[in-house]
Amino acid sequence: FQQDGAAFLAERDYASLLDQMGCGKTPQALIAAEARLSLGIVPTPTTPVVLVVCPAGAKRHWEREIRHWTGHDAAVLEGLRPDETLPETRYVICNYDILHGARRRDPLGVMHDHPELPGWASMLKKRFLIAICDEAHVLRGRTAQRSKAMRQVLSGTSVVWFLTGTPMPNYVRDLWTQLDILTDGLAGPYWPWAKAYAGAYQGQYGMIDTGSDRLDELQARLK
């Protein structure tokens, strides 16, 4: 099944691998990445071509797995102040929370970006051939800073793969942001999608989107 999963990813420019925890999504994604890269021309073995985005606690795990399954070293990005140049490694690893910059409140309570800590999003956008996003279910807030940063980084990336064993942590609506970012907008606007599949309707105080509807159709579209 891992060979099937690796082939499933390698054959697609965008896909989500939704195997449950412990099934080896990490090696499947790495083997698929190496398969895709073998079809093209990578200038040197140390050209940064694959971006891995994951929770902070998983960065060292990915570093070890990359070395084990591909034989390549990986650079691990840290902090909110990006370097002027990317490390010279085939794989670059960062966590979601360093993509967007720091923010602070002024005396009136209004939030502002912290110019000295801008995050890595601008530095990383349109720089990679392949992006692998682990635990992608964290991307469920439509207007969250994390989601906005990921849209910026992944827009225009040739190959994007999401990995998660829990694609819908709470509601069907949790899927939309993942699909929107993964496919660069092919899911369409949120509210028509939510009315179709999350049972969204107008409540007394605003739209309610915590239901589900037409799940057979949604499943067919996901396939």
Protein backbone atom coordinates (compact mmCIF):
# COMPACT_ATOMS: atom_id res chain seq x y z
CA PHE A 1 0.00 0.00 0.00
CA GLN A 2 2.97 2.34 0.54
CA GLN A 3 4.10 1.74 -3.04
CA ASP A 4 0.56 2.53 -4.19
CA GLY A 5 0.54 5.68 -2.07
CA ALA A 6 3.88 6.89 -3.41
CA ALA A 7 2.68 6.27 -6.97
CA PHE A 8 -0.59 8.08 -6.22
CA LEU A 9 1.34 11.21 -5.23
CA ALA A 10 3.98 10.98 -7.95
CA GLU A 11 1.34 10.87 -10.68
CA ARG A 12 -0.41 14.05 -9.50
CA ASP A 13 0.52 17.72 -9.39
CA TYR A 14 -1.69 18.20 -6.34
CA ALA A 15 -3.04 15.55 -4.00
CA SER A 16 -3.81 14.74 -0.37
CA LEU A 17 -2.55 11.49 1.15
CA LEU A 18 -4.97 10.65 3.96
CA ASP A 19 -3.58 7.40 5.38
CA GLN A 20 -4.15 7.03 9.10
CA MET A 21 -1.37 7.66 11.61
CA GLY A 22 1.51 5.17 11.50
CA CYS A 23 1.07 4.09 7.88
CA GLY A 24 4.23 5.83 6.65
CA LYS A 25 3.02 8.94 4.87
CA THR A 26 6.47 10.53 5.23
CA PRO A 27 8.44 7.92 3.23
CA GLN A 28 5.65 7.71 0.66
CA ALA A 29 5.92 11.46 0.04
CA LEU A 30 9.72 11.39 -0.11
CA ILE A 31 9.86 8.49 -2.56
CA ALA A 32 7.25 10.27 -4.70
CA ALA A 33 9.30 13.48 -4.63
CA GLU A 34 12.44 11.67 -5.75
CA ALA A 35 10.45 9.97 -8.51
CA ARG A 36 9.17 13.33 -9.78
CA LEU A 37 12.60 14.92 -9.62
CA SER A 38 14.10 12.03 -11.58
CA LEU A 39 11.93 13.06 -14.55
CA GLY A 40 13.37 16.57 -14.76
CA ILE A 41 16.64 18.39 -14.55
CA VAL A 42 17.80 19.53 -11.13
CA PRO A 43 20.86 21.77 -11.59
CA THR A 44 22.85 20.28 -8.69
CA PRO A 45 22.19 17.84 -5.81
CA THR A 46 22.21 20.83 -3.45
CA THR A 47 19.73 23.00 -5.38
CA PRO A 48 16.74 23.75 -3.09
CA VAL A 49 13.82 22.12 -4.91
CA VAL A 50 11.59 20.49 -2.24
CA LEU A 51 9.94 22.45 0.59
CA VAL A 52 8.57 20.52 3.56
CA VAL A 53 6.18 22.42 5.86
CA CYS A 54 5.20 20.73 9.10
CA PRO A 55 4.49 21.45 12.79
CA ALA A 56 7.55 22.62 14.74
CA GLY A 57 7.84 19.37 16.68
CA ALA A 58 8.11 17.31 13.49
CA LYS A 59 10.99 19.18 11.83
CA ARG A 60 13.79 16.97 13.19
CA HIS A 61 11.78 13.87 12.34
CA TRP A 62 11.55 15.03 8.74
CA GLU A 63 15.25 15.83 8.69
CA ARG A 64 16.09 12.27 9.76
CA GLU A 65 13.61 10.69 7.36
CA ILE A 66 14.89 12.71 4.41
CA ARG A 67 18.44 11.54 5.06
CA HIS A 68 17.29 7.94 5.52
CA TRP A 69 15.02 7.63 2.47
CA THR A 70 16.75 9.94 -0.03
CA GLY A 71 20.37 10.20 1.07
CA HIS A 72 20.19 13.98 0.93
CA ASP A 73 20.70 16.47 3.72
CA ALA A 74 17.96 18.93 4.64
CA ALA A 75 18.14 22.46 5.95
CA VAL A 76 15.86 23.33 8.87
CA LEU A 77 14.70 26.95 8.96
CA GLU A 78 14.26 28.68 12.31
CA GLY A 79 13.03 32.04 13.58
CA LEU A 80 10.96 34.81 12.01
CA ARG A 81 13.85 36.75 10.47
CA PRO A 82 14.64 35.12 7.09
CA ASP A 83 18.16 34.84 5.70
CA GLU A 84 19.03 36.62 2.47
CA THR A 85 19.69 33.35 0.63
CA LEU A 86 18.30 29.84 0.93
CA PRO A 87 20.54 27.05 2.26
CA GLU A 88 22.17 24.92 -0.42
CA THR A 89 20.31 21.69 0.23
CA ARG A 90 17.87 19.71 -1.91
CA TYR A 91 15.27 19.73 0.88
CA VAL A 92 14.28 22.70 3.03
CA ILE A 93 12.12 22.22 6.14
CA CYS A 94 10.14 24.87 7.98
CA ASN A 95 7.20 24.95 10.36
CA TYR A 96 3.91 26.67 9.66
CA ASP A 97 4.30 29.32 12.33
CA ILE A 98 7.47 30.88 10.95
CA LEU A 99 5.91 31.54 7.56
CA HIS A 100 3.88 34.51 8.76
CA GLY A 101 5.50 37.34 10.67
CA ALA A 102 5.06 38.49 14.23
CA ARG A 103 2.27 40.91 15.12
CA ARG A 104 1.80 43.31 18.02
CA ARG A 105 -0.91 45.59 19.37
CA ASP A 106 -0.57 49.35 19.52
CA PRO A 107 -1.83 51.32 22.56
CA LEU A 108 -5.32 51.37 21.02
CA GLY A 109 -5.40 47.60 20.70
CA VAL A 110 -5.01 47.51 16.91
CA MET A 111 -2.84 44.69 15.54
CA HIS A 112 0.14 45.58 13.33
CA ASP A 113 2.80 43.53 11.56
CA HIS A 114 6.23 43.53 13.18
CA PRO A 115 8.52 44.76 10.34
CA GLU A 116 11.67 43.34 11.92
CA LEU A 117 10.17 39.82 12.09
CA PRO A 118 8.43 39.38 8.72
CA GLY A 119 8.47 35.57 8.54
CA TRP A 120 9.62 33.37 5.66
CA ALA A 121 6.62 33.45 3.30
CA SER A 122 7.93 36.12 0.93
CA MET A 123 11.34 34.46 0.85
CA LEU A 124 9.98 31.00 0.03
CA LYS A 125 7.25 31.75 -2.51
CA LYS A 126 7.77 30.45 -6.06
CA ARG A 127 11.17 29.01 -5.13
CA PHE A 128 10.42 25.27 -5.13
CA LEU A 129 9.35 22.62 -7.61
CA ILE A 130 7.61 20.48 -4.97
CA ALA A 131 5.96 21.36 -1.64
CA ILE A 132 4.96 18.75 0.95
CA CYS A 133 2.69 19.92 3.78
CA ASP A 134 2.51 17.55 6.75
CA GLU A 135 -0.41 17.57 9.22
CA ALA A 136 -2.23 19.72 6.68
CA HIS A 137 -5.43 19.71 8.76
CA VAL A 138 -3.95 22.65 10.70
CA LEU A 139 -4.90 24.74 7.64
CA ARG A 140 -8.59 25.04 8.46
CA GLY A 141 -8.98 28.73 9.30
CA ARG A 142 -10.02 30.51 6.10
CA THR A 143 -8.70 33.90 7.18
CA ALA A 144 -5.99 32.78 9.62
CA GLN A 145 -2.47 34.17 9.25
CA ARG A 146 -1.19 30.62 8.78
CA SER A 147 -3.55 29.99 5.86
CA LYS A 148 -2.75 33.32 4.22
CA ALA A 149 0.97 32.62 4.46
CA MET A 150 0.56 29.15 2.95
CA ARG A 151 -1.43 30.56 0.03
CA GLN A 152 1.40 32.99 -0.60
CA VAL A 153 4.08 30.31 -0.46
CA LEU A 154 2.29 27.69 -2.56
CA SER A 155 0.70 29.88 -5.22
CA GLY A 156 2.42 28.98 -8.48
CA THR A 157 4.23 25.92 -7.08
CA SER A 158 4.19 23.14 -9.68
CA VAL A 159 3.58 20.19 -7.33
CA VAL A 160 1.82 20.40 -3.95
CA TRP A 161 1.00 17.43 -1.72
CA PHE A 162 -0.83 17.45 1.61
CA LEU A 163 -0.43 14.73 4.24
CA THR A 164 -2.84 14.22 7.13
CA GLY A 165 -4.63 11.38 8.88
CA THR A 166 -7.38 13.71 10.14
CA PRO A 167 -8.55 15.88 7.22
CA MET A 168 -11.75 16.94 9.03
CA PRO A 169 -10.92 17.49 12.73
CA ASN A 170 -14.34 18.93 13.51
CA TYR A 171 -16.62 19.70 10.56
CA VAL A 172 -16.88 19.18 6.81
CA ARG A 173 -16.13 22.88 6.42
CA ASP A 174 -12.57 22.16 7.61
CA LEU A 175 -11.85 20.67 4.19
CA TRP A 176 -12.39 23.82 2.17
CA THR A 177 -9.28 25.75 3.22
CA GLN A 178 -7.10 22.71 2.59
CA LEU A 179 -8.60 22.23 -0.87
CA ASP A 180 -8.40 25.93 -1.69
CA ILE A 181 -4.71 26.17 -0.78
CA LEU A 182 -3.78 22.78 -2.25
CA THR A 183 -5.32 23.44 -5.68
CA ASP A 184 -4.64 27.19 -5.80
CA GLY A 185 -8.33 28.07 -5.79
CA LEU A 186 -9.98 25.25 -7.77
CA ALA A 187 -12.43 24.54 -4.93
CA GLY A 188 -14.20 27.80 -5.77
CA PRO A 189 -15.53 30.46 -3.37
CA TYR A 190 -16.22 29.32 0.18
CA TRP A 191 -19.91 30.00 0.69
CA PRO A 192 -21.24 28.22 -2.42
CA TRP A 193 -19.03 25.26 -1.45
CA ALA A 194 -20.25 25.40 2.17
CA LYS A 195 -23.90 25.55 1.09
CA ALA A 196 -23.35 22.49 -1.10
CA TYR A 197 -21.36 20.29 1.29
CA ALA A 198 -21.37 21.82 4.79
CA GLY A 199 -25.13 22.42 4.91
CA ALA A 200 -24.60 26.16 5.33
CA TYR A 201 -27.72 28.26 5.86
CA GLN A 202 -28.68 31.71 7.08
CA GLY A 203 -29.28 31.69 10.83
CA GLN A 204 -30.69 34.42 13.02
CA TYR A 205 -27.27 35.96 13.66
CA GLY A 206 -25.36 34.94 10.55
CA MET A 207 -24.46 31.93 8.43
CA ILE A 208 -24.34 28.49 10.08
CA ASP A 209 -21.86 26.10 8.45
CA THR A 210 -21.39 23.27 10.94
CA GLY A 211 -23.45 20.65 9.10
CA SER A 212 -22.93 18.34 6.12
CA ASP A 213 -24.72 17.58 2.87
CA ARG A 214 -24.21 15.76 -0.46
CA LEU A 215 -21.31 13.74 0.95
CA ASP A 216 -21.40 11.17 -1.87
CA GLU A 217 -20.89 13.99 -4.35
CA LEU A 218 -18.09 15.48 -2.24
CA GLN A 219 -16.37 12.11 -2.00
CA ALA A 220 -16.58 11.69 -5.77
CA ARG A 221 -15.06 15.13 -6.32
CA LEU A 222 -12.24 14.39 -3.89
CA LYS A 223 -11.42 11.21 -5.77
